[in-house]
Protein backbone atom coordinates (compact mmCIF):
# COMPACT_ATOMS: atom_id res chain seq x y z
CA MET A 1 -24.14 10.64 52.16
CA GLN A 2 -22.53 11.00 55.56
CA LYS A 3 -18.93 11.97 56.02
CA ILE A 4 -17.31 9.99 58.78
CA THR A 5 -13.73 9.83 59.95
CA ALA A 6 -12.35 6.34 60.14
CA SER A 7 -10.55 5.74 63.41
CA LEU A 8 -8.20 2.83 64.00
CA LYS A 9 -8.73 0.50 66.91
CA PRO A 10 -5.70 -1.09 68.59
CA ALA A 11 -6.76 -4.58 67.44
CA GLU A 12 -6.84 -3.47 63.78
CA VAL A 13 -3.25 -2.21 63.65
CA GLU A 14 -0.76 -4.22 61.62
CA LYS A 15 2.78 -3.26 62.55
CA LYS A 16 5.62 -3.61 60.06
CA TRP A 17 9.31 -3.95 60.79
CA ILE A 18 11.74 -1.68 58.97
CA VAL A 19 15.55 -1.50 58.98
CA VAL A 20 17.38 1.79 58.50
CA ASP A 21 21.13 2.04 57.93
CA ALA A 22 22.40 5.12 59.77
CA GLU A 23 25.89 5.13 58.28
CA ASN A 24 26.78 8.72 57.24
CA ALA A 25 23.17 9.82 57.88
CA VAL A 26 22.48 13.31 59.24
CA VAL A 27 21.19 12.93 62.81
CA GLY A 28 18.30 15.40 62.71
CA ARG A 29 16.92 14.19 59.38
CA LEU A 30 17.18 10.56 60.46
CA ALA A 31 15.54 11.28 63.81
CA THR A 32 12.54 12.98 62.18
CA PHE A 33 12.09 10.05 59.79
CA ILE A 34 12.26 7.54 62.66
CA ALA A 35 9.91 9.55 64.90
CA MET A 36 7.35 9.77 62.10
CA ARG A 37 7.49 5.99 61.53
CA LEU A 38 7.26 5.25 65.28
CA ARG A 39 4.15 7.41 65.65
CA GLY A 40 2.52 6.07 62.51
CA LYS A 41 2.10 9.43 60.80
CA HIS A 42 3.16 7.93 57.47
CA ARG A 43 -0.07 5.91 57.35
CA PRO A 44 -3.27 7.19 55.73
CA ASP A 45 -5.30 5.81 58.65
CA TYR A 46 -3.19 7.50 61.36
CA THR A 47 -5.00 7.90 64.67
CA PRO A 48 -3.29 10.10 67.31
CA HIS A 49 -4.39 8.13 70.38
CA VAL A 50 -3.54 4.66 69.01
CA ASP A 51 -0.09 3.12 68.69
CA CYS A 52 -0.16 2.52 64.94
CA GLY A 53 3.54 3.01 64.19
CA ASP A 54 6.10 0.49 62.98
CA PHE A 55 9.02 -1.22 64.67
CA VAL A 56 12.22 0.54 63.58
CA VAL A 57 15.61 -1.19 63.68
CA VAL A 58 18.60 1.13 63.21
CA ILE A 59 22.01 -0.30 62.36
CA ASN A 60 25.41 1.48 62.32
CA ALA A 61 24.13 4.10 64.78
CA ASP A 62 27.66 5.01 65.87
CA LYS A 63 28.46 6.25 62.33
CA VAL A 64 25.93 9.11 62.20
CA LYS A 65 27.05 12.58 61.13
CA PHE A 66 26.30 16.15 62.11
CA THR A 67 26.25 19.09 59.72
CA GLY A 68 28.31 22.21 60.24
CA LYS A 69 30.16 22.54 63.53
CA LYS A 70 27.45 20.84 65.62
CA LEU A 71 29.77 17.98 66.54
CA ASP A 72 31.68 20.35 68.85
CA ASP A 73 29.36 23.35 69.31
CA LYS A 74 26.12 21.53 70.20
CA VAL A 75 25.76 20.94 73.95
CA TYR A 76 23.61 18.32 75.70
CA TYR A 77 22.57 19.21 79.25
CA ARG A 78 21.39 16.91 82.02
CA HIS A 79 20.84 17.37 85.74
CA THR A 80 21.99 15.01 88.47
CA GLY A 81 19.21 16.06 90.85
CA HIS A 82 21.61 17.70 93.31
CA PRO A 83 22.06 21.48 93.74
CA GLY A 84 24.42 22.77 91.08
CA GLY A 85 24.35 19.40 89.35
CA VAL A 86 24.02 20.54 85.75
CA LYS A 87 26.30 18.46 83.53
CA GLU A 88 27.03 19.14 79.89
CA THR A 89 28.58 17.15 77.07
CA THR A 90 29.03 17.40 73.31
CA PRO A 91 28.06 14.94 70.57
CA ARG A 92 31.75 14.21 69.91
CA LYS A 93 32.19 12.98 73.49
CA VAL A 94 29.01 10.88 73.38
CA LEU A 95 29.86 9.30 70.01
CA GLY A 96 33.37 8.51 71.25
CA GLY A 97 32.11 7.10 74.55
CA LYS A 98 30.69 3.82 75.74
CA PHE A 99 27.13 4.27 74.37
CA PRO A 100 27.30 6.18 71.05
CA GLU A 101 23.76 5.12 70.10
CA ARG A 102 22.38 7.51 72.71
CA VAL A 103 22.86 10.48 70.36
CA LEU A 104 20.23 9.09 68.00
CA GLU A 105 18.07 7.66 70.77
CA LYS A 106 17.78 11.02 72.56
CA ALA A 107 17.15 12.87 69.29
CA VAL A 108 14.20 10.60 68.51
CA GLU A 109 12.93 10.67 72.09
CA ARG A 110 12.84 14.46 72.07
CA MET A 111 10.75 14.43 68.86
CA LEU A 112 8.01 12.28 70.37
CA PRO A 113 5.24 13.76 72.56
CA LYS A 114 6.41 14.50 76.07
CA GLU A 115 5.26 12.86 79.27
CA SER A 116 2.80 10.44 77.75
CA PRO A 117 2.43 6.69 78.19
CA LEU A 118 1.80 6.34 74.46
CA ALA A 119 5.12 8.03 73.58
CA ARG A 120 6.98 5.81 76.05
CA LYS A 121 5.41 2.73 74.47
CA GLN A 122 6.25 3.95 70.96
CA LEU A 123 9.86 4.55 71.97
CA THR A 124 10.18 0.90 73.02
CA HIS A 125 9.63 -0.01 69.34
CA LEU A 126 12.93 1.67 68.45
CA LEU A 127 15.85 -0.78 68.42
CA ILE A 128 19.31 0.74 67.87
CA TYR A 129 22.50 -1.21 67.16
CA ASN A 130 26.05 0.01 66.57
CA ALA A 131 27.01 -2.97 64.42
CA GLY A 132 25.97 -3.66 60.84
CA GLU A 133 23.77 -6.62 61.78
CA HIS A 134 20.78 -7.11 64.07
CA PRO A 135 19.03 -10.10 65.70
CA HIS A 136 15.58 -9.39 64.19
CA GLN A 137 15.81 -11.33 60.91
CA ALA A 138 12.91 -13.59 61.98
CA GLN A 139 10.49 -10.64 61.69
CA ASN A 140 11.36 -10.22 57.97
CA PRO A 141 12.05 -6.49 58.22
CA GLU A 142 11.77 -4.28 55.17
CA VAL A 143 14.99 -2.40 54.36
CA VAL A 144 14.38 1.32 53.85
CA ASP A 145 16.89 3.24 51.74
CA PHE A 146 17.04 6.39 53.85
CA ALA A 147 20.15 7.72 52.07
CA GLY A 148 18.51 7.46 48.66
CA ARG A 149 15.38 9.40 49.60
CA ASN A 150 17.14 12.77 49.46
CA ALA A 151 20.73 13.83 48.76
CA LYS A 152 20.72 15.93 51.95
CA ASN A 153 20.08 12.84 54.14
CA ILE A 154 23.71 11.72 54.04
CA ARG A 155 26.97 13.45 54.78
CA SER A 156 30.18 12.03 53.37
CA LEU A 157 32.61 14.06 55.49
């Protein structure tokens, strides 16, 4: 009897749609869950070089929470490309700004493999909305109870 490793082919992948409610969810825990679903690592037939992950729709992304004092102490850095152009901001400023969904989007992006076309393609399957509804009802998404999976996944404060 030969032992062979089954490898998925791109034509064999069946993608599911899932909806996650991010209200009162801890950012890091939610980002790891989303990154795992985007990559497809939750599947028994996971293949690293094939896009076998699901489409993830996140609602209420502006209502995410941080634990401890991260809301003020955590610092996000970016560079403008000019000499001395390092800019910094905190999660409180980003969540109170024009695009609060970027906190979650950047957290997930930084958990995917870097500098790869596959990771960029997988990130396009992440759809984040600040409101409680989304325009993807036609895909019949499955609602995932992220808060109920573990008591540490939500923060009431």
